[in-house]
Protein backbone atom coordinates (compact mmCIF):
# COMPACT_ATOMS: atom_id res chain seq x y z
CA GLU A 1 109.64 148.20 110.71
CA LYS A 2 106.40 147.12 112.32
CA GLU A 3 103.21 148.80 111.22
CA VAL A 4 101.36 150.72 113.94
CA LYS A 5 97.96 149.16 114.51
CA MET A 6 95.11 151.62 114.86
CA ARG A 7 91.96 151.30 116.91
CA GLU A 8 88.68 151.04 115.05
CA LYS A 9 87.20 154.46 114.46
CA GLN A 10 84.53 155.03 117.10
CA PHE A 11 84.19 158.79 116.91
CA SER A 12 85.84 161.18 114.49
CA GLN A 13 89.35 159.76 114.69
CA ALA A 14 91.37 156.73 115.68
CA ARG A 15 94.52 156.62 117.79
CA PRO A 16 97.33 154.05 118.03
CA LEU A 17 96.98 151.06 120.32
CA THR A 18 98.86 151.70 123.54
CA ARG A 19 100.15 149.66 126.44
CA TYR A 20 98.29 151.01 129.42
CA LEU A 21 99.62 151.69 132.88
CA PRO A 22 99.08 151.39 135.83
CA ILE A 23 100.82 148.12 136.40
CA ARG A 24 100.96 147.89 140.15
CA LYS A 25 103.63 145.19 140.61
CA GLU A 26 106.46 146.45 142.83
CA ASP A 27 109.14 144.82 140.66
CA PHE A 28 107.78 146.42 137.46
CA ASP A 29 110.62 147.73 135.28
CA LEU A 30 109.52 150.82 133.34
CA LYS A 31 112.62 150.80 131.13
CA THR A 32 112.09 147.20 130.02
CA HIS A 33 108.38 147.89 129.45
CA ILE A 34 109.06 150.90 127.23
CA GLU A 35 111.89 149.24 125.32
CA SER A 36 109.67 146.24 124.53
CA SER A 37 106.93 148.52 123.16
CA GLY A 38 108.58 149.40 119.89
CA PRO A 39 111.52 151.20 118.35
CA GLY A 40 114.56 151.67 120.55
CA VAL A 41 114.50 154.49 123.06
CA ASP A 42 118.21 154.96 122.40
CA THR A 43 117.26 156.77 119.18
CA CYS A 44 115.45 159.44 121.22
CA LEU A 45 118.20 161.91 122.04
CA HIS A 46 116.54 163.69 124.96
CA VAL A 47 114.96 160.74 126.78
CA VAL A 48 116.37 159.67 130.14
CA LEU A 49 114.97 156.30 131.19
CA SER A 50 115.41 154.14 134.28
CA SER A 51 113.43 151.32 135.82
CA LYS A 52 111.25 153.79 137.78
CA VAL A 53 111.50 157.21 136.02
CA CYS A 54 111.20 158.49 132.46
CA ARG A 55 112.26 162.04 131.57
CA GLY A 56 112.15 163.77 128.21
CA TYR A 57 110.77 166.49 125.98
CA LEU A 58 107.14 166.47 124.89
CA VAL A 59 105.05 169.14 123.21
CA LYS A 60 101.86 170.44 124.83
CA MET A 61 99.24 172.96 123.82
CA GLY A 62 99.23 176.23 125.75
CA GLY A 63 96.29 177.33 127.90
CA LYS A 64 95.33 180.88 126.91
CA ILE A 65 97.31 181.14 123.69
CA LYS A 66 96.70 177.92 121.78
CA SER A 67 100.21 177.36 120.51
CA TRP A 68 102.44 174.33 120.96
CA LYS A 69 105.06 174.51 123.71
CA LYS A 70 108.05 172.22 124.16
CA ARG A 71 108.28 171.10 127.80
CA TRP A 72 110.45 168.74 129.85
CA PHE A 73 108.21 166.00 131.28
CA VAL A 74 109.00 163.67 134.18
CA PHE A 75 107.01 160.48 134.79
CA ASP A 76 107.92 159.04 138.21
CA ARG A 77 106.42 155.70 139.25
CA LEU A 78 107.68 155.96 142.84
CA LYS A 79 106.06 159.35 143.45
CA ARG A 80 103.13 158.47 141.14
CA THR A 81 103.45 161.78 139.32
CA LEU A 82 103.62 163.19 135.82
CA SER A 83 105.16 166.67 136.01
CA TYR A 84 106.43 169.11 133.45
CA TYR A 85 108.90 171.95 133.54
CA VAL A 86 109.97 174.86 131.33
CA ASP A 87 113.29 173.12 130.63
CA LYS A 88 115.28 170.03 131.57
CA HIS A 89 116.93 171.68 134.59
CA GLU A 90 113.66 170.95 136.46
CA THR A 91 113.65 174.22 138.38
CA LYS A 92 110.32 175.81 137.39
CA LEU A 93 107.38 173.37 137.64
């Protein structure tokens, strides 16, 4: 296993180095990009990945009540959107 490299602490905490988007090339393959970033995506049971769209569960903090909520997120390069839904049926945005 590769060790995750951390940024130098600038403020109160450091975060992992990331591979930033946007990459504006039309032939950019999101699936290849993500798979080359680290451990295999195939180990993530609820991630659906294609060359242009990534779907899967993430956890976000609620607005009024500060508790963690599991949500189904969709990152779509073609529409240039990051959306999230109550569940993976993508009916309630």
